[in-house]
Structures are given as structure tokens and as C-alpha cells.
């Protein structure tokens, strides 16, 4: 499975389905520990396989990025 070891929860599947259906922008309002960053990162990883290029994912601080990516 790409990305490796990512299994979306039921409330994450709706936003992933919308993005796969062609929506360019999605407003996703969920609680603060719902996995928004990890879901978005894994979607970008999947899209990078289809559309090669340079992708940037910017966090407000370095420590926040480490916390999200280290899990």
C-alpha cells in the first residue's frame, strides 16, 4: 500500500474521496487530533507517484514538523 502503513480512518476517507474525485480545495473541519497533517501528507505522497515534481509541505515550526513526521 502506498504510502507505507497508512490506513485512513472512516472520517478521513471522505476527504480523501473528495480529493480523488477531482476537488481542488477541501475545507475539512475536525478536532485537533484527527490526523489532518498525516492524511494530507499521505495524499501528497500518493499524488507524487502520479505527477512527479517538486512538492513543499510547510509547517509553522521545525518542531511541529518533526512531531508529525516522526509518528
Protein backbone atom coordinates (compact mmCIF):
# COMPACT_ATOMS: atom_id res chain seq x y z
CA UNK A 1 0.00 0.00 0.00
CA UNK A 2 1.27 3.46 -0.85
CA UNK A 3 2.00 5.27 1.40
CA UNK A 4 3.53 2.63 3.63
CA UNK A 5 1.48 1.70 6.74
CA UNK A 6 -1.16 4.41 6.31
CA UNK A 7 -4.70 3.26 6.87
CA UNK A 8 -7.29 6.03 6.77
CA UNK A 9 -9.98 6.17 9.42
CA UNK A 10 -13.62 6.42 8.39
CA UNK A 11 -13.78 10.20 8.83
CA UNK A 12 -10.58 10.60 6.79
CA UNK A 13 -11.96 8.57 3.88
CA UNK A 14 -14.50 11.26 2.97
CA UNK A 15 -11.89 13.95 2.40
CA UNK A 16 -9.61 11.54 0.51
CA UNK A 17 -12.53 10.51 -1.71
CA UNK A 18 -13.31 14.16 -2.45
CA UNK A 19 -9.70 14.86 -3.44
CA UNK A 20 -9.58 11.76 -5.63
CA UNK A 21 -12.85 12.83 -7.28
CA UNK A 22 -11.14 15.97 -8.54
CA UNK A 23 -11.88 18.63 -5.96
CA UNK A 24 -9.05 21.16 -5.93
CA UNK A 25 -9.81 22.62 -2.49
CA UNK A 26 -11.31 20.94 0.55
CA UNK A 27 -12.38 22.52 3.83
CA UNK A 28 -12.03 19.85 6.50
CA UNK A 29 -13.12 20.87 9.99
CA UNK A 30 -12.34 18.21 12.59
CA UNK A 31 -10.90 18.13 16.08
CA UNK A 32 -7.22 18.88 16.66
CA UNK A 33 -6.03 15.26 16.93
CA UNK A 34 -7.91 13.94 13.89
CA UNK A 35 -4.81 13.33 11.76
CA UNK A 36 -5.21 16.20 9.31
CA UNK A 37 -1.49 16.63 8.63
CA UNK A 38 -0.71 12.93 8.29
CA UNK A 39 -3.70 12.44 5.98
CA UNK A 40 -2.62 15.37 3.79
CA UNK A 41 0.99 14.20 3.69
CA UNK A 42 -0.02 10.71 2.66
CA UNK A 43 -2.31 12.08 -0.05
CA UNK A 44 0.58 14.17 -1.41
CA UNK A 45 2.84 11.09 -1.38
CA UNK A 46 0.27 9.19 -3.42
CA UNK A 47 -0.05 12.07 -5.90
CA UNK A 48 3.74 12.35 -6.26
CA UNK A 49 3.78 8.88 -7.77
CA UNK A 50 1.29 10.02 -10.42
CA UNK A 51 2.57 13.56 -11.03
CA UNK A 52 6.34 13.81 -10.43
CA UNK A 53 7.61 17.21 -9.42
CA UNK A 54 8.76 19.35 -6.53
CA UNK A 55 6.38 19.39 -3.57
CA UNK A 56 6.62 21.51 -0.42
CA UNK A 57 4.75 20.85 2.80
CA UNK A 58 5.39 23.67 5.23
CA UNK A 59 4.85 23.52 8.98
CA UNK A 60 4.72 26.59 11.24
CA UNK A 61 7.79 25.45 13.19
CA UNK A 62 10.51 22.85 12.78
CA UNK A 63 9.49 21.03 15.96
CA UNK A 64 5.88 20.70 14.76
CA UNK A 65 7.08 19.13 11.53
CA UNK A 66 9.25 16.65 13.40
CA UNK A 67 6.35 15.65 15.63
CA UNK A 68 4.06 14.98 12.69
CA UNK A 69 6.58 13.17 10.52
CA UNK A 70 8.15 11.10 13.31
CA UNK A 71 4.93 9.19 14.14
